[in-house]
């Protein structure tokens, strides 16, 4: 497959990130490596979306702190970004609504028509948005050559970095880079772009708990977007999927990461990192990056917290 015929993916992880751990970042890295090895995908971005304060989880610190810790955790990454949208809403948002927000946002930024995980759109994915005037939404008179896929991905990357890792007042939130030339790019290239939910198998298991998830939301999450799953220690995603009619129905939309990396998924646990902090356990460095530890100690977070 050529670069333009592969499916281009943005990985989105929703969660408390209370605090964000090294394991959370490794999930992104492992998922990207696996998707690239399949030969079917190119991962062009990763988004960390911390949950709203009103989620109500015991011991959840303010989103102000969690956003900063997330930003510190990804500061050395050139492809993972932190998005504050979920935290800035008036109340808690469902995972489905977060996915739909980012799908709509990517349409506005790139002009993409995002397709389902295994049912590519019949409409060119990068093309003039439907029901709009043919003139580009960006102007750049210096474009003399046909844009390449690399240029497109560069512009998407620029847009991601501008959208994420910032805390602007929502009324001043700018969704597009006015200096970009994506309007010109859209007229020439056809690239399939999808947003996939990144999660551990524990979230997959939660789909099987009656009444926990809205079934229509599950249909959208698994059927329209798709999931990339990293198995937790001892978990069998195949067995989990067989316990849910919706997961069985959209089994082909669930991508289970299979690699040789010997990193126990327990290092993803924010709970264990909080316990290590409370007990002054030096093994906290196994869970958290040093900038995050420094911020936690400076802000006196979790030290006397419970949960």
Protein backbone atom coordinates (compact mmCIF):
# COMPACT_ATOMS: atom_id res chain seq x y z
CA UNK A 1 0.00 0.00 0.00
CA UNK A 2 1.19 3.51 -0.76
CA UNK A 3 1.28 6.25 1.86
CA UNK A 4 -1.89 7.82 0.47
CA UNK A 5 -3.87 4.56 0.34
CA UNK A 6 -3.15 3.61 3.96
CA UNK A 7 -5.68 4.69 6.55
CA UNK A 8 -4.44 7.69 8.53
CA UNK A 9 -5.28 7.46 12.20
CA UNK A 10 -5.56 9.77 15.18
CA UNK A 11 -5.55 7.86 18.48
CA UNK A 12 -7.77 9.34 21.20
CA UNK A 13 -7.54 8.30 24.85
CA UNK A 14 -10.20 9.44 27.32
CA UNK A 15 -9.75 9.00 31.06
CA UNK A 16 -9.19 10.51 34.47
CA UNK A 17 -5.38 10.65 34.10
CA UNK A 18 -5.26 11.12 37.85
CA UNK A 19 -2.32 11.32 37.38
CA UNK A 20 -1.15 10.39 33.89
CA UNK A 21 1.42 7.61 34.04
CA UNK A 22 4.31 6.39 31.94
CA UNK A 23 2.10 3.45 31.04
CA UNK A 24 -0.50 5.74 29.48
CA UNK A 25 2.14 7.17 27.16
CA UNK A 26 3.48 3.69 26.39
CA UNK A 27 -0.04 2.69 25.33
CA UNK A 28 0.11 5.33 22.61
CA UNK A 29 3.59 4.26 21.51
CA UNK A 30 2.75 0.54 21.46
CA UNK A 31 -0.51 1.13 19.60
CA UNK A 32 1.23 3.26 16.97
CA UNK A 33 4.00 0.69 16.47
CA UNK A 34 1.49 -2.13 16.11
CA UNK A 35 -0.74 -0.25 13.67
CA UNK A 36 2.27 0.67 11.54
CA UNK A 37 3.44 -2.97 11.48
CA UNK A 38 0.10 -4.09 10.06
CA UNK A 39 0.91 -2.10 6.93
CA UNK A 40 -2.63 -0.75 6.82
CA UNK A 41 -2.35 2.36 8.96
CA UNK A 42 -0.32 5.52 9.50
CA UNK A 43 -0.77 7.11 12.91
CA UNK A 44 -0.46 10.87 12.49
CA UNK A 45 -1.46 12.02 15.97
CA UNK A 46 -2.43 11.10 19.49
CA UNK A 47 -4.82 13.02 21.76
CA UNK A 48 -5.06 12.79 25.55
CA UNK A 49 -8.48 13.98 26.75
CA UNK A 50 -8.80 14.25 30.55
CA UNK A 51 -12.27 13.83 32.03
CA UNK A 52 -14.38 16.72 33.40
CA UNK A 53 -14.20 17.51 37.12
CA UNK A 54 -17.87 16.58 37.57
CA UNK A 55 -17.14 12.94 36.69
CA UNK A 56 -17.33 12.39 40.43
CA UNK A 57 -14.58 9.83 40.86
CA UNK A 58 -13.23 9.78 44.47
CA UNK A 59 -9.84 11.44 44.77
CA UNK A 60 -10.08 13.16 41.38
CA UNK A 61 -7.97 16.31 41.52
CA UNK A 62 -8.89 19.46 39.65
CA UNK A 63 -8.67 19.39 35.87
CA UNK A 64 -6.34 22.38 36.14
CA UNK A 65 -3.75 20.10 37.73
CA UNK A 66 -4.52 17.10 35.56
CA UNK A 67 -4.15 19.11 32.34
CA UNK A 68 -0.78 20.45 33.44
CA UNK A 69 0.44 16.98 34.42
CA UNK A 70 -0.69 15.59 31.09
CA UNK A 71 1.12 18.37 29.25
CA UNK A 72 4.28 17.66 31.23
CA UNK A 73 3.99 13.96 30.43
CA UNK A 74 3.80 14.51 26.65
CA UNK A 75 6.16 17.48 26.38
CA UNK A 76 8.90 15.37 24.77
CA UNK A 77 6.53 13.76 22.25
CA UNK A 78 6.28 15.11 18.73
CA UNK A 79 2.93 13.50 18.03
CA UNK A 80 0.89 13.19 21.25
CA UNK A 81 -1.07 16.24 22.39
CA UNK A 82 -3.35 17.14 25.31
CA UNK A 83 -6.79 18.51 24.54
CA UNK A 84 -8.68 20.55 27.18
CA UNK A 85 -12.10 20.56 25.48
CA UNK A 86 -13.64 17.87 27.70
CA UNK A 87 -12.48 19.64 30.88
CA UNK A 88 -13.83 23.00 29.70
CA UNK A 89 -17.41 21.89 29.16
CA UNK A 90 -20.17 22.76 31.61
CA UNK A 91 -20.46 19.16 32.76
CA UNK A 92 -19.17 15.63 32.24
CA UNK A 93 -19.15 14.39 28.65
CA UNK A 94 -19.66 10.85 27.43
CA UNK A 95 -16.86 9.11 25.56
CA UNK A 96 -19.12 9.09 22.53
CA UNK A 97 -19.59 12.88 22.62
CA UNK A 98 -15.82 13.39 22.95
CA UNK A 99 -15.16 11.24 19.90
CA UNK A 100 -17.84 13.08 17.93
CA UNK A 101 -16.39 16.44 18.96
CA UNK A 102 -12.95 15.51 17.67
CA UNK A 103 -14.39 14.07 14.48
CA UNK A 104 -16.19 17.36 13.83
CA UNK A 105 -13.09 19.31 14.76
CA UNK A 106 -10.90 17.36 12.35
CA UNK A 107 -13.43 17.98 9.59
CA UNK A 108 -13.17 21.71 10.22
CA UNK A 109 -9.38 21.69 10.44
CA UNK A 110 -8.65 19.43 7.48
CA UNK A 111 -11.82 19.34 5.40
CA UNK A 112 -11.79 15.56 5.87
CA UNK A 113 -14.84 13.38 5.57
CA UNK A 114 -14.00 10.82 8.25
CA UNK A 115 -15.09 7.27 7.49
CA UNK A 116 -16.01 4.33 9.65
CA UNK A 117 -13.32 1.92 10.75
CA UNK A 118 -13.98 -0.77 8.17
CA UNK A 119 -16.41 0.94 5.82
CA UNK A 120 -14.47 3.63 3.95
CA UNK A 121 -16.52 6.53 2.72
CA UNK A 122 -17.45 6.51 -0.96
CA UNK A 123 -16.74 10.23 -0.99
CA UNK A 124 -13.12 11.38 -1.37
CA UNK A 125 -11.95 11.85 2.18
CA UNK A 126 -9.87 14.91 1.50
CA UNK A 127 -11.99 16.98 -0.80
CA UNK A 128 -14.17 20.04 -0.94
CA UNK A 129 -16.60 19.86 2.02
CA UNK A 130 -20.12 19.08 0.88
CA UNK A 131 -22.67 21.85 0.33
CA UNK A 132 -20.06 24.58 0.48
CA UNK A 133 -18.69 26.99 -2.08
CA UNK A 134 -15.78 25.69 -4.20
CA UNK A 135 -13.35 28.34 -3.03
CA UNK A 136 -10.72 27.20 -0.50
CA UNK A 137 -11.17 28.08 3.15
CA UNK A 138 -7.50 29.04 3.30
CA UNK A 139 -5.68 31.27 0.88
CA UNK A 140 -2.06 30.96 -0.12
CA UNK A 141 -1.01 32.40 -3.47
CA UNK A 142 2.50 30.93 -3.23
CA UNK A 143 1.40 27.31 -3.87
CA UNK A 144 2.86 26.31 -7.21
CA UNK A 145 3.19 22.53 -6.94
CA UNK A 146 0.69 19.77 -6.29
CA UNK A 147 0.78 19.08 -2.54
CA UNK A 148 2.06 15.75 -1.32
CA UNK A 149 0.73 13.45 1.37
CA UNK A 150 3.64 14.51 3.56
CA UNK A 151 2.55 18.15 3.30
CA UNK A 152 -0.99 17.20 4.25
CA UNK A 153 0.17 15.27 7.30
CA UNK A 154 2.41 18.15 8.25
CA UNK A 155 -0.51 20.54 8.17
CA UNK A 156 -2.67 18.15 10.19
CA UNK A 157 0.17 17.89 12.69
CA UNK A 158 0.48 21.67 12.87
CA UNK A 159 -3.25 21.97 13.45
CA UNK A 160 -3.17 19.36 16.21
CA UNK A 161 -0.34 21.14 17.96
CA UNK A 162 -2.15 24.47 17.72
CA UNK A 163 -5.47 23.05 18.91
CA UNK A 164 -4.07 21.05 21.79
CA UNK A 165 -1.74 21.88 24.66
CA UNK A 166 -3.31 25.31 25.11
CA UNK A 167 -5.81 26.79 27.55
CA UNK A 168 -7.50 29.64 25.63
CA UNK A 169 -10.86 31.12 26.70
CA UNK A 170 -13.43 29.05 24.83
CA UNK A 171 -14.97 32.08 23.15
CA UNK A 172 -11.57 32.79 21.57
CA UNK A 173 -10.85 29.20 20.60
CA UNK A 174 -9.58 29.11 17.00
CA UNK A 175 -10.21 25.85 15.22
CA UNK A 176 -8.08 26.48 12.14
CA UNK A 177 -4.68 27.82 11.29
CA UNK A 178 -5.37 30.81 9.08
CA UNK A 179 -1.82 30.67 7.69
CA UNK A 180 -2.20 27.09 6.48
CA UNK A 181 -2.88 26.07 2.89
CA UNK A 182 -5.14 23.09 3.55
CA UNK A 183 -7.73 24.60 1.24
CA UNK A 184 -5.40 24.00 -1.69
CA UNK A 185 -4.37 20.60 -0.42
CA UNK A 186 -7.98 19.46 -0.16
CA UNK A 187 -8.53 19.89 -3.87
CA UNK A 188 -5.81 17.41 -4.81
CA UNK A 189 -5.40 14.62 -2.30
CA UNK A 190 -7.66 11.81 -1.17
CA UNK A 191 -6.71 10.43 2.23
CA UNK A 192 -8.79 8.34 4.58
CA UNK A 193 -8.59 9.70 8.12
CA UNK A 194 -10.10 8.03 11.17
CA UNK A 195 -10.20 8.71 14.90
CA UNK A 196 -9.84 5.52 16.95
CA UNK A 197 -10.46 5.20 20.69
CA UNK A 198 -7.37 3.93 22.50
CA UNK A 199 -8.03 1.93 25.66
CA UNK A 200 -7.05 -0.99 27.84
CA UNK A 201 -8.99 -4.23 27.94
CA UNK A 202 -10.54 -3.12 31.25
CA UNK A 203 -12.61 -0.55 29.33
CA UNK A 204 -13.57 -3.27 26.86
CA UNK A 205 -14.72 -5.39 29.82
CA UNK A 206 -16.86 -2.51 31.07
CA UNK A 207 -18.88 -2.70 27.84
CA UNK A 208 -20.11 -6.09 29.04
CA UNK A 209 -21.55 -4.73 32.32
CA UNK A 210 -25.33 -4.38 31.88
CA UNK A 211 -26.57 -0.80 32.16
CA UNK A 212 -23.14 0.78 32.51
CA UNK A 213 -22.97 2.05 28.92
CA UNK A 214 -25.72 3.49 26.77
CA UNK A 215 -26.17 0.95 23.97
CA UNK A 216 -26.59 3.62 21.30
CA UNK A 217 -23.28 5.14 22.43
CA UNK A 218 -21.61 1.74 22.21
CA UNK A 219 -22.93 1.36 18.66
CA UNK A 220 -21.33 4.68 17.70
CA UNK A 221 -18.04 4.11 19.56
CA UNK A 222 -17.41 0.62 18.20
CA UNK A 223 -19.43 0.73 14.99
CA UNK A 224 -18.62 4.19 13.65
CA UNK A 225 -15.20 4.90 15.16
CA UNK A 226 -13.49 1.70 16.26
CA UNK A 227 -11.22 0.80 19.16
CA UNK A 228 -7.55 -0.01 19.61
CA UNK A 229 -7.16 -2.24 22.68
CA UNK A 230 -4.06 -3.00 24.73
CA UNK A 231 -4.66 -6.12 26.82
CA UNK A 232 -4.25 -5.69 30.56
CA UNK A 233 -2.36 -8.36 32.50
CA UNK A 234 -4.08 -11.72 32.13
CA UNK A 235 -7.01 -10.33 30.11
CA UNK A 236 -8.29 -12.08 27.00
CA UNK A 237 -9.90 -9.55 24.63
CA UNK A 238 -11.33 -12.34 22.48
CA UNK A 239 -13.17 -13.79 25.48
CA UNK A 240 -14.37 -10.32 26.51
CA UNK A 241 -15.77 -9.60 23.04
CA UNK A 242 -17.76 -12.83 23.09
CA UNK A 243 -19.66 -11.58 26.15
CA UNK A 244 -21.20 -8.59 24.36
CA UNK A 245 -23.52 -8.73 21.37
CA UNK A 246 -22.39 -5.27 20.22
CA UNK A 247 -18.70 -6.17 20.51
CA UNK A 248 -19.35 -9.38 18.58
CA UNK A 249 -21.28 -7.44 15.95
CA UNK A 250 -18.39 -5.02 15.35
CA UNK A 251 -15.54 -7.40 16.13
CA UNK A 252 -13.68 -6.34 13.00
CA UNK A 253 -13.65 -2.76 14.28
CA UNK A 254 -11.72 -3.75 17.40
CA UNK A 255 -7.96 -3.83 16.88
CA UNK A 256 -6.10 -5.72 19.60
CA UNK A 257 -2.44 -4.76 19.95
CA UNK A 258 -0.23 -7.82 19.75
CA UNK A 259 3.43 -7.17 20.33
CA UNK A 260 6.46 -8.58 22.11
CA UNK A 261 6.84 -5.68 24.53
CA UNK A 262 7.24 -7.02 28.04
CA UNK A 263 5.74 -4.06 29.89
CA UNK A 264 3.14 -5.10 32.47
CA UNK A 265 0.00 -3.03 32.03
CA UNK A 266 -0.04 -2.52 35.81
CA UNK A 267 2.31 0.43 35.25
CA UNK A 268 -0.64 2.19 33.62
CA UNK A 269 -2.43 2.25 36.99
CA UNK A 270 -2.96 5.75 38.35
CA UNK A 271 -4.24 4.17 41.57
CA UNK A 272 -0.92 2.40 42.19
CA UNK A 273 1.00 5.59 41.47
CA UNK A 274 -1.12 7.48 44.02
CA UNK A 275 -0.54 4.79 46.64
CA UNK A 276 3.20 4.94 45.99
CA UNK A 277 3.11 8.71 46.49
CA UNK A 278 1.14 8.43 49.72
CA UNK A 279 3.55 5.85 51.14
CA UNK A 280 6.68 7.62 49.96
CA UNK A 281 7.52 4.58 47.86
CA UNK A 282 10.56 5.13 45.66
CA UNK A 283 8.98 2.89 43.03
CA UNK A 284 6.79 5.84 42.07
CA UNK A 285 9.44 6.53 39.41
CA UNK A 286 8.31 3.31 37.72
CA UNK A 287 4.86 4.83 37.24
CA UNK A 288 5.38 8.54 36.70
CA UNK A 289 7.78 10.68 34.69
CA UNK A 290 10.03 13.01 36.68
CA UNK A 291 8.35 16.26 35.52
CA UNK A 292 4.99 14.89 36.70
CA UNK A 293 6.47 13.80 40.04
CA UNK A 294 8.05 17.23 40.51
CA UNK A 295 4.73 18.96 39.81
CA UNK A 296 2.84 16.66 42.19
CA UNK A 297 5.30 17.32 45.01
CA UNK A 298 5.34 21.07 44.36
CA UNK A 299 1.53 21.20 44.34
CA UNK A 300 1.18 18.73 47.23
CA UNK A 301 -1.20 16.50 45.29
CA UNK A 302 -2.25 13.01 46.36
CA UNK A 303 0.08 12.98 49.36
CA UNK A 304 -2.77 12.81 51.88
CA UNK A 305 -5.48 11.81 49.42
CA UNK A 306 -7.50 8.67 49.61
CA UNK A 307 -8.62 6.45 46.76
